[in-house]
Amino acid sequence: MTRHRYDVPALARTLSLDRPTAPRLTWYGPGGERVELSGRVLANWVVKAGNLLVDECDAAPGTRVCLDLPVHWRWAVWLLATWSVGACGVLDRPTGTVEDPNAGTAEGPATGTAAGPAADPLCDVLVSTRPGAMSGTGPQSVLAVALPALATAFPGSLPEGVIDATGAVRAQPDHPGYRPEIRADAAALAIEGAVSVLHGQLSDAVERAVTGAGWTAPVRLLCVDPAPADAISWLLAPLLHGGSVVLVSAQAQEAEDLPRLTATEAVTATY
């Protein structure tokens, strides 16, 4: 039997063509916030974020993109965009960081207090809700991200050289620009300072996740405060298998009636 090959670089195109109006990523956050992205909309976000990574940060195979964000729909967009340009997602949040649901909002600090990942040699590009939380010489590029769904700019002033990615992403073209050739031997994921997956291994990792979960048809997967390190299993695998994800944040977990949410969202599997 021929094994299915899950095409990670073509994910955005697949999302925009395969049932493009169906929900693919639904996020529940604090304060009752709910954001639903259709396949076409999710693909558009991923393309725009990928364009920004390439155009403004020279992202390419070997570039290490540190996601200093809580698990959130925007976090998912930036990780998928990182993979779409052949770069490596670094998923460790800075030592001493306390997740703040207001980070990157008018109520939250733009600078943070912990020594940030800028001193971490694994970080070339920092995507953060706390762009001022930097030490050492810093990454080559810093992208400031505001979390609220309707945010069009990062609130407050930003350190010199920091790119307001919240607004800059929206200004990017809707179609992919130049993309470097993705190398199979380039790192795709780094956790706790070590590379855990190469780009050439992503398709097989997705296939193992799908087979291990026993999915024979596209699923609508409920993920409650999932571990970032497991994103291949709970984010990439269901999307590439034609399914969708319902992502419930840690802050929303206590407030939501999960059985009701499961029925409302027509969930077919849980992670």
C-alpha atoms as a PDB file:
ATOM      1  CA  MET A   1       0.000   0.000   0.000  1.00  0.00           C
ATOM      2  CA  THR A   2       1.308   3.462  -0.915  1.00  0.00           C
ATOM      3  CA  ARG A   3       1.817   5.652   2.121  1.00  0.00           C
ATOM      4  CA  HIS A   4       0.116   9.023   2.157  1.00  0.00           C
ATOM      5  CA  ARG A   5       2.519  11.961   2.035  1.00  0.00           C
ATOM      6  CA  TYR A   6       1.348  14.969   4.000  1.00  0.00           C
ATOM      7  CA  ASP A   7       2.626  18.060   2.187  1.00  0.00           C
ATOM      8  CA  VAL A   8       3.495  20.630   4.859  1.00  0.00           C
ATOM      9  CA  PRO A   9       4.712  23.387   2.474  1.00  0.00           C
ATOM     10  CA  ALA A  10       1.409  23.144   0.572  1.00  0.00           C
ATOM     11  CA  LEU A  11      -0.747  23.430   3.720  1.00  0.00           C
ATOM     12  CA  ALA A  12      -1.925  26.995   3.050  1.00  0.00           C
ATOM     13  CA  ARG A  13      -2.911  26.121  -0.516  1.00  0.00           C
ATOM     14  CA  THR A  14      -4.732  23.009   0.706  1.00  0.00           C
ATOM     15  CA  LEU A  15      -6.640  24.981   3.341  1.00  0.00           C
ATOM     16  CA  SER A  16      -7.712  27.570   0.766  1.00  0.00           C
ATOM     17  CA  LEU A  17      -8.963  24.978  -1.729  1.00  0.00           C
ATOM     18  CA  ASP A  18     -10.352  22.106   0.380  1.00  0.00           C
ATOM     19  CA  ARG A  19     -13.695  23.234   1.842  1.00  0.00           C
ATOM     20  CA  PRO A  20     -12.357  26.788   2.160  1.00  0.00           C
ATOM     21  CA  THR A  21     -15.363  28.156   4.070  1.00  0.00           C
ATOM     22  CA  ALA A  22     -15.437  25.374   6.676  1.00  0.00           C
ATOM     23  CA  PRO A  23     -13.971  26.163  10.109  1.00  0.00           C
ATOM     24  CA  ARG A  24     -10.411  24.910  10.537  1.00  0.00           C
ATOM     25  CA  LEU A  25      -9.236  26.643  13.715  1.00  0.00           C
ATOM     26  CA  THR A  26     -11.569  27.765  16.497  1.00  0.00           C
ATOM     27  CA  TRP A  27     -10.090  29.383  19.594  1.00  0.00           C
ATOM     28  CA  TYR A  28     -11.633  30.018  23.009  1.00  0.00           C
ATOM     29  CA  GLY A  29      -9.832  32.575  25.138  1.00  0.00           C
ATOM     30  CA  PRO A  30     -10.341  34.466  28.398  1.00  0.00           C
ATOM     31  CA  GLY A  31     -13.421  36.621  28.887  1.00  0.00           C
ATOM     32  CA  GLY A  32     -15.545  34.515  26.558  1.00  0.00           C
ATOM     33  CA  GLU A  33     -13.545  35.438  23.462  1.00  0.00           C
ATOM     34  CA  ARG A  34     -14.113  33.091  20.542  1.00  0.00           C
ATOM     35  CA  VAL A  35     -12.334  33.316  17.201  1.00  0.00           C
ATOM     36  CA  GLU A  36     -13.136  31.026  14.283  1.00  0.00           C
ATOM     37  CA  LEU A  37     -10.947  30.862  11.200  1.00  0.00           C
ATOM     38  CA  SER A  38     -12.169  29.149   8.049  1.00  0.00           C
ATOM     39  CA  GLY A  39      -9.726  27.319   5.846  1.00  0.00           C
ATOM     40  CA  ARG A  40      -9.421  30.295   3.509  1.00  0.00           C
ATOM     41  CA  VAL A  41      -8.913  32.768   6.360  1.00  0.00           C
ATOM     42  CA  LEU A  42      -6.383  30.591   8.180  1.00  0.00           C
ATOM     43  CA  ALA A  43      -4.475  30.090   4.924  1.00  0.00           C
ATOM     44  CA  ASN A  44      -4.462  33.857   4.366  1.00  0.00           C
ATOM     45  CA  TRP A  45      -3.001  34.506   7.827  1.00  0.00           C
ATOM     46  CA  VAL A  46      -0.314  31.860   7.303  1.00  0.00           C
ATOM     47  CA  VAL A  47       0.632  33.262   3.890  1.00  0.00           C
ATOM     48  CA  LYS A  48       0.817  36.841   5.177  1.00  0.00           C
ATOM     49  CA  ALA A  49       2.876  35.854   8.232  1.00  0.00           C
ATOM     50  CA  GLY A  50       5.191  33.804   6.007  1.00  0.00           C
ATOM     51  CA  ASN A  51       5.649  36.758   3.673  1.00  0.00           C
ATOM     52  CA  LEU A  52       6.597  38.956   6.634  1.00  0.00           C
ATOM     53  CA  LEU A  53       9.096  36.407   7.954  1.00  0.00           C
ATOM     54  CA  VAL A  54      10.823  36.235   4.569  1.00  0.00           C
ATOM     55  CA  ASP A  55      10.624  39.900   3.585  1.00  0.00           C
ATOM     56  CA  GLU A  56      11.454  41.524   6.922  1.00  0.00           C
ATOM     57  CA  CYS A  57      13.444  38.829   8.722  1.00  0.00           C
ATOM     58  CA  ASP A  58      15.136  36.974   5.839  1.00  0.00           C
ATOM     59  CA  ALA A  59      13.698  33.739   7.217  1.00  0.00           C
ATOM     60  CA  ALA A  60      14.948  30.615   5.466  1.00  0.00           C
ATOM     61  CA  PRO A  61      16.040  27.061   6.325  1.00  0.00           C
ATOM     62  CA  GLY A  62      18.204  27.340   9.425  1.00  0.00           C
ATOM     63  CA  THR A  63      16.454  30.460  10.759  1.00  0.00           C
ATOM     64  CA  ARG A  64      15.304  29.939  14.359  1.00  0.00           C
ATOM     65  CA  VAL A  65      11.963  31.595  15.113  1.00  0.00           C
ATOM     66  CA  CYS A  66      11.263  31.801  18.837  1.00  0.00           C
ATOM     67  CA  LEU A  67       7.530  31.895  19.611  1.00  0.00           C
ATOM     68  CA  ASP A  68       7.311  33.821  22.869  1.00  0.00           C
ATOM     69  CA  LEU A  69       3.513  33.640  22.894  1.00  0.00           C
ATOM     70  CA  PRO A  70       0.956  31.687  24.894  1.00  0.00           C
ATOM     71  CA  VAL A  71      -0.789  28.898  22.973  1.00  0.00           C
ATOM     72  CA  HIS A  72      -3.326  30.935  21.024  1.00  0.00           C
ATOM     73  CA  TRP A  73      -4.724  31.109  17.501  1.00  0.00           C
ATOM     74  CA  ARG A  74      -2.016  33.653  16.655  1.00  0.00           C
ATOM     75  CA  TRP A  75       0.622  31.262  18.028  1.00  0.00           C
ATOM     76  CA  ALA A  76      -0.718  28.591  15.671  1.00  0.00           C
ATOM     77  CA  VAL A  77      -0.534  30.994  12.718  1.00  0.00           C
ATOM     78  CA  TRP A  78       3.090  31.910  13.421  1.00  0.00           C
ATOM     79  CA  LEU A  79       4.185  28.296  13.884  1.00  0.00           C
ATOM     80  CA  LEU A  80       2.517  27.225  10.624  1.00  0.00           C
ATOM     81  CA  ALA A  81       4.037  30.239   8.866  1.00  0.00           C
ATOM     82  CA  THR A  82       7.470  29.337  10.233  1.00  0.00           C
ATOM     83  CA  TRP A  83       7.172  25.846   8.779  1.00  0.00           C
ATOM     84  CA  SER A  84       5.839  27.214   5.489  1.00  0.00           C
ATOM     85  CA  VAL A  85       9.125  29.060   4.863  1.00  0.00           C
ATOM     86  CA  GLY A  86      11.327  26.163   5.962  1.00  0.00           C
ATOM     87  CA  ALA A  87      12.430  27.767   9.236  1.00  0.00           C
ATOM     88  CA  CYS A  88      12.607  26.247  12.731  1.00  0.00           C
ATOM     89  CA  GLY A  89      10.015  26.938  15.419  1.00  0.00           C
ATOM     90  CA  VAL A  90      11.641  27.327  18.851  1.00  0.00           C
ATOM     91  CA  LEU A  91       8.913  26.655  21.378  1.00  0.00           C
ATOM     92  CA  ASP A  92      10.552  27.373  24.728  1.00  0.00           C
ATOM     93  CA  ARG A  93       9.111  30.381  26.503  1.00  0.00           C
ATOM     94  CA  PRO A  94      11.691  32.425  28.410  1.00  0.00           C
ATOM     95  CA  THR A  95      12.772  31.290  31.864  1.00  0.00           C
ATOM     96  CA  GLY A  96      10.699  32.974  34.542  1.00  0.00           C
ATOM     97  CA  THR A  97       7.892  33.983  32.190  1.00  0.00           C
ATOM     98  CA  VAL A  98       4.379  33.928  33.598  1.00  0.00           C
ATOM     99  CA  GLU A  99       1.743  33.698  30.893  1.00  0.00           C
ATOM    100  CA  ASP A 100      -0.340  36.876  30.964  1.00  0.00           C
ATOM    101  CA  PRO A 101      -3.619  36.762  29.048  1.00  0.00           C
ATOM    102  CA  ASN A 102      -3.415  40.579  28.749  1.00  0.00           C
ATOM    103  CA  ALA A 103       0.089  40.581  27.262  1.00  0.00           C
ATOM    104  CA  GLY A 104       0.238  42.647  24.119  1.00  0.00           C
ATOM    105  CA  THR A 105      -2.888  44.570  25.046  1.00  0.00           C
ATOM    106  CA  ALA A 106      -3.429  48.034  26.396  1.00  0.00           C
ATOM    107  CA  GLU A 107      -3.729  46.446  29.833  1.00  0.00           C
ATOM    108  CA  GLY A 108      -0.633  44.292  29.533  1.00  0.00           C
ATOM    109  CA  PRO A 109       3.053  45.207  29.637  1.00  0.00           C
ATOM    110  CA  ALA A 110       4.929  45.603  26.384  1.00  0.00           C
ATOM    111  CA  THR A 111       8.275  45.091  28.018  1.00  0.00           C
ATOM    112  CA  GLY A 112       7.837  42.194  30.432  1.00  0.00           C
ATOM    113  CA  THR A 113      10.072  41.515  33.403  1.00  0.00           C
ATOM    114  CA  ALA A 114      11.884  38.249  32.760  1.00  0.00           C
ATOM    115  CA  ALA A 115      15.175  37.885  30.966  1.00  0.00           C
ATOM    116  CA  GLY A 116      13.932  37.130  27.485  1.00  0.00           C
ATOM    117  CA  PRO A 117      14.996  34.670  24.813  1.00  0.00           C
ATOM    118  CA  ALA A 118      17.129  37.303  23.101  1.00  0.00           C
ATOM    119  CA  ALA A 119      20.110  35.971  25.034  1.00  0.00           C
ATOM    120  CA  ASP A 120      19.272  32.481  23.802  1.00  0.00           C
ATOM    121  CA  PRO A 121      21.521  31.441  20.906  1.00  0.00           C
ATOM    122  CA  LEU A 122      18.602  29.441  19.502  1.00  0.00           C
ATOM    123  CA  CYS A 123      16.714  32.627  18.632  1.00  0.00           C
ATOM    124  CA  ASP A 124      17.221  34.497  15.336  1.00  0.00           C
ATOM    125  CA  VAL A 125      13.705  35.904  15.135  1.00  0.00           C
ATOM    126  CA  LEU A 126      11.641  36.661  18.236  1.00  0.00           C
ATOM    127  CA  VAL A 127       7.845  36.711  17.867  1.00  0.00           C
ATOM    128  CA  SER A 128       6.566  38.035  21.162  1.00  0.00           C
ATOM    129  CA  THR A 129       3.836  39.746  23.138  1.00  0.00           C
ATOM    130  CA  ARG A 130       6.666  41.198  25.266  1.00  0.00           C
ATOM    131  CA  PRO A 131       9.081  42.650  22.720  1.00  0.00           C
ATOM    132  CA  GLY A 132      10.977  44.619  25.345  1.00  0.00           C
ATOM    133  CA  ALA A 133      11.844  41.538  27.396  1.00  0.00           C
ATOM    134  CA  MET A 134      15.277  41.234  25.860  1.00  0.00           C
ATOM    135  CA  SER A 135      18.791  40.814  27.127  1.00  0.00           C
ATOM    136  CA  GLY A 136      22.209  40.310  25.584  1.00  0.00           C
ATOM    137  CA  THR A 137      22.721  41.294  21.980  1.00  0.00           C
ATOM    138  CA  GLY A 138      19.247  40.207  21.026  1.00  0.00           C
ATOM    139  CA  PRO A 139      17.845  38.333  18.029  1.00  0.00           C
ATOM    140  CA  GLN A 140      18.325  39.698  14.538  1.00  0.00           C
ATOM    141  CA  SER A 141      14.614  40.518  14.241  1.00  0.00           C
ATOM    142  CA  VAL A 142      11.883  41.152  16.822  1.00  0.00           C
ATOM    143  CA  LEU A 143       8.196  41.011  15.884  1.00  0.00           C
ATOM    144  CA  ALA A 144       5.664  42.442  18.355  1.00  0.00           C
ATOM    145  CA  VAL A 145       2.314  40.638  18.389  1.00  0.00           C
ATOM    146  CA  ALA A 146      -0.858  41.830  20.110  1.00  0.00           C
ATOM    147  CA  LEU A 147      -3.227  38.996  21.005  1.00  0.00           C
ATOM    148  CA  PRO A 148      -6.738  40.541  20.771  1.00  0.00           C
ATOM    149  CA  ALA A 149      -8.514  39.460  17.601  1.00  0.00           C
ATOM    150  CA  LEU A 150      -9.461  43.001  16.569  1.00  0.00           C
ATOM    151  CA  ALA A 151      -6.054  44.528  17.269  1.00  0.00           C
ATOM    152  CA  THR A 152      -4.654  46.353  14.250  1.00  0.00           C
ATOM    153  CA  ALA A 153      -1.477  47.592  15.944  1.00  0.00           C
ATOM    154  CA  PHE A 154       0.606  46.813  18.999  1.00  0.00           C
ATOM    155  CA  PRO A 155      -0.427  49.184  21.803  1.00  0.00           C
ATOM    156  CA  GLY A 156       2.052  51.672  23.190  1.00  0.00           C
ATOM    157  CA  SER A 157       5.580  52.431  22.121  1.00  0.00           C
ATOM    158  CA  LEU A 158       7.981  49.769  20.922  1.00  0.00           C
ATOM    159  CA  PRO A 159      11.753  49.500  21.377  1.00  0.00           C
ATOM    160  CA  GLU A 160      13.793  50.781  18.467  1.00  0.00           C
ATOM    161  CA  GLY A 161      14.023  48.306  15.613  1.00  0.00           C
ATOM    162  CA  VAL A 162      11.038  46.199  16.711  1.00  0.00           C
ATOM    163  CA  ILE A 163       8.500  45.500  13.971  1.00  0.00           C
ATOM    164  CA  ASP A 164       4.822  45.885  14.834  1.00  0.00           C
ATOM    165  CA  ALA A 165       3.819  42.553  13.332  1.00  0.00           C
ATOM    166  CA  THR A 166       0.169  43.014  14.292  1.00  0.00           C
ATOM    167  CA  GLY A 167      -0.208  45.725  11.681  1.00  0.00           C
ATOM    168  CA  ALA A 168       2.565  44.634   9.332  1.00  0.00           C
ATOM    169  CA  VAL A 169       1.035  41.195   8.750  1.00  0.00           C
ATOM    170  CA  ARG A 170      -2.225  42.719   7.562  1.00  0.00           C
ATOM    171  CA  ALA A 171      -0.342  44.808   4.993  1.00  0.00           C
ATOM    172  CA  GLN A 172       1.368  41.781   3.441  1.00  0.00           C
ATOM    173  CA  PRO A 173       0.166  40.385   0.081  1.00  0.00           C
ATOM    174  CA  ASP A 174      -2.530  37.716   0.093  1.00  0.00           C
ATOM    175  CA  HIS A 175      -0.432  35.424  -2.094  1.00  0.00           C
ATOM    176  CA  PRO A 176       2.925  33.861  -1.264  1.00  0.00           C
ATOM    177  CA  GLY A 177       5.924  35.869  -2.342  1.00  0.00           C
ATOM    178  CA  TYR A 178       9.417  34.504  -2.693  1.00  0.00           C
ATOM    179  CA  ARG A 179       9.966  31.326  -0.687  1.00  0.00           C
ATOM    180  CA  PRO A 180      13.368  29.719  -0.141  1.00  0.00           C
ATOM    181  CA  GLU A 181      13.608  26.057  -1.052  1.00  0.00           C
ATOM    182  CA  ILE A 182      12.789  23.972   2.003  1.00  0.00           C
ATOM    183  CA  ARG A 183      15.617  21.618   2.932  1.00  0.00           C
ATOM    184  CA  ALA A 184      14.814  18.173   4.286  1.00  0.00           C
ATOM    185  CA  ASP A 185      17.827  18.333   6.606  1.00  0.00           C
ATOM    186  CA  ALA A 186      16.847  21.712   8.121  1.00  0.00           C
ATOM    187  CA  ALA A 187      15.446  21.872  11.666  1.00  0.00           C
ATOM    188  CA  ALA A 188      11.682  22.284  11.928  1.00  0.00           C
ATOM    189  CA  LEU A 189      11.184  22.188  15.697  1.00  0.00           C
ATOM    190  CA  ALA A 190      13.447  22.874  18.659  1.00  0.00           C
ATOM    191  CA  ILE A 191      12.447  22.153  22.256  1.00  0.00           C
ATOM    192  CA  GLU A 192      14.563  22.785  25.347  1.00  0.00           C
ATOM    193  CA  GLY A 193      17.520  23.748  23.231  1.00  0.00           C
ATOM    194  CA  ALA A 194      17.516  20.610  21.111  1.00  0.00           C
ATOM    195  CA  VAL A 195      16.233  20.017  17.596  1.00  0.00           C
ATOM    196  CA  SER A 196      13.473  17.425  17.783  1.00  0.00           C
ATOM    197  CA  VAL A 197      12.167  17.275  14.198  1.00  0.00           C
ATOM    198  CA  LEU A 198      13.636  18.054  10.774  1.00  0.00           C
ATOM    199  CA  HIS A 199      11.548  19.336   7.873  1.00  0.00           C
ATOM    200  CA  GLY A 200      12.113  16.068   6.056  1.00  0.00           C
ATOM    201  CA  GLN A 201      10.555  14.257   9.030  1.00  0.00           C
ATOM    202  CA  LEU A 202       7.385  16.348   9.387  1.00  0.00           C
ATOM    203  CA  SER A 203       5.309  14.331   6.932  1.00  0.00           C
ATOM    204  CA  ASP A 204       6.195  11.045   8.633  1.00  0.00           C
ATOM    205  CA  ALA A 205       5.516  12.598  12.054  1.00  0.00           C
ATOM    206  CA  VAL A 206       2.056  13.651  10.881  1.00  0.00           C
ATOM    207  CA  GLU A 207       1.388  10.194   9.481  1.00  0.00           C
ATOM    208  CA  ARG A 208       2.378   8.586  12.783  1.00  0.00           C
ATOM    209  CA  ALA A 209       0.088  10.971  14.661  1.00  0.00           C
ATOM    210  CA  VAL A 210      -2.868  10.232  12.383  1.00  0.00           C
ATOM    211  CA  THR A 211      -2.289   6.473  12.515  1.00  0.00           C
ATOM    212  CA  GLY A 212      -1.749   6.494  16.277  1.00  0.00           C
ATOM    213  CA  ALA A 213      -4.966   8.437  16.844  1.00  0.00           C
ATOM    214  CA  GLY A 214      -6.884   6.076  14.562  1.00  0.00           C
ATOM    215  CA  TRP A 215      -8.357   8.833  12.406  1.00  0.00           C
ATOM    216  CA  THR A 216      -9.890   7.365   9.266  1.00  0.00           C
ATOM    217  CA  ALA A 217     -11.744  10.561   8.333  1.00  0.00           C
ATOM    218  CA  PRO A 218     -11.227  14.257   8.993  1.00  0.00           C
ATOM    219  CA  VAL A 219     -11.745  15.066  12.671  1.00  0.00           C
ATOM    220  CA  ARG A 220     -12.841  18.083  14.662  1.00  0.00           C
ATOM    221  CA  LEU A 221     -10.320  17.857  17.467  1.00  0.00           C
ATOM    222  CA  LEU A 222     -10.844  19.445  20.891  1.00  0.00           C
ATOM    223  CA  CYS A 223      -7.554  20.550  22.473  1.00  0.00           C
ATOM    224  CA  VAL A 224      -7.692  21.962  25.996  1.00  0.00           C
ATOM    225  CA  ASP A 225      -4.493  23.852  26.916  1.00  0.00           C
ATOM    226  CA  PRO A 226      -2.329  21.499  24.826  1.00  0.00           C
ATOM    227  CA  ALA A 227       1.445  21.323  25.164  1.00  0.00           C
ATOM    228  CA  PRO A 228       3.220  23.445  22.531  1.00  0.00           C
ATOM    229  CA  ALA A 229       5.816  20.706  22.016  1.00  0.00           C
ATOM    230  CA  ASP A 230       3.056  18.375  20.764  1.00  0.00           C
ATOM    231  CA  ALA A 231       1.818  20.767  18.066  1.00  0.00           C
ATOM    232  CA  ILE A 232       2.507  18.296  15.268  1.00  0.00           C
ATOM    233  CA  SER A 233      -0.055  15.916  16.786  1.00  0.00           C
ATOM    234  CA  TRP A 234      -2.790  18.364  17.805  1.00  0.00           C
ATOM    235  CA  LEU A 235      -2.403  21.126  15.187  1.00  0.00           C
ATOM    236  CA  LEU A 236      -0.550  20.071  12.048  1.00  0.00           C
ATOM    237  CA  ALA A 237      -1.844  16.491  11.834  1.00  0.00           C
ATOM    238  CA  PRO A 238      -5.590  17.223  11.988  1.00  0.00           C
ATOM    239  CA  LEU A 239      -5.257  20.141   9.558  1.00  0.00           C
ATOM    240  CA  LEU A 240      -3.262  18.156   6.995  1.00  0.00           C
ATOM    241  CA  HIS A 241      -5.681  15.237   7.410  1.00  0.00           C
ATOM    242  CA  GLY A 242      -8.528  17.506   6.334  1.00  0.00           C
ATOM    243  CA  GLY A 243      -9.868  18.192   9.811  1.00  0.00           C
ATOM    244  CA  SER A 244     -10.122  21.119  12.187  1.00  0.00           C
ATOM    245  CA  VAL A 245      -9.062  22.134  15.680  1.00  0.00           C
ATOM    246  CA  VAL A 246     -10.992  23.621  18.598  1.00  0.00           C
ATOM    247  CA  LEU A 247      -8.363  25.176  20.836  1.00  0.00           C
ATOM    248  CA  VAL A 248      -9.314  26.069  24.405  1.00  0.00           C
ATOM    249  CA  SER A 249      -6.828  28.229  26.298  1.00  0.00           C
ATOM    250  CA  ALA A 250      -5.790  27.639  29.884  1.00  0.00           C
ATOM    251  CA  GLN A 251      -7.644  30.788  30.925  1.00  0.00           C
ATOM    252  CA  ALA A 252     -10.856  29.699  29.194  1.00  0.00           C
ATOM    253  CA  GLN A 253     -10.736  26.129  30.471  1.00  0.00           C
ATOM    254  CA  GLU A 254     -12.187  26.935  33.892  1.00  0.00           C
ATOM    255  CA  ALA A 255     -14.893  29.233  32.537  1.00  0.00           C
ATOM    256  CA  GLU A 256     -16.146  27.019  29.707  1.00  0.00           C
ATOM    257  CA  ASP A 257     -18.669  24.220  30.047  1.00  0.00           C
ATOM    258  CA  LEU A 258     -16.634  21.669  28.118  1.00  0.00           C
ATOM    259  CA  PRO A 259     -19.454  19.129  27.550  1.00  0.00           C
ATOM    260  CA  ARG A 260     -21.653  21.915  26.156  1.00  0.00           C
ATOM    261  CA  LEU A 261     -18.782  23.270  24.072  1.00  0.00           C
ATOM    262  CA  THR A 262     -18.061  19.778  22.732  1.00  0.00           C
ATOM    263  CA  ALA A 263     -21.651  19.438  21.532  1.00  0.00           C
ATOM    264  CA  THR A 264     -21.874  22.997  20.177  1.00  0.00           C
ATOM    265  CA  GLU A 265     -18.652  22.675  18.201  1.00  0.00           C
ATOM    266  CA  ALA A 266     -19.539  19.192  16.891  1.00  0.00           C
ATOM    267  CA  VAL A 267     -16.309  17.791  18.287  1.00  0.00           C
ATOM    268  CA  THR A 268     -15.519  14.253  17.081  1.00  0.00           C
ATOM    269  CA  ALA A 269     -12.250  13.612  18.951  1.00  0.00           C
ATOM    270  CA  THR A 270     -10.285  14.993  21.872  1.00  0.00           C
ATOM    271  CA  TYR A 271      -6.572  15.393  22.435  1.00  0.00           C
END
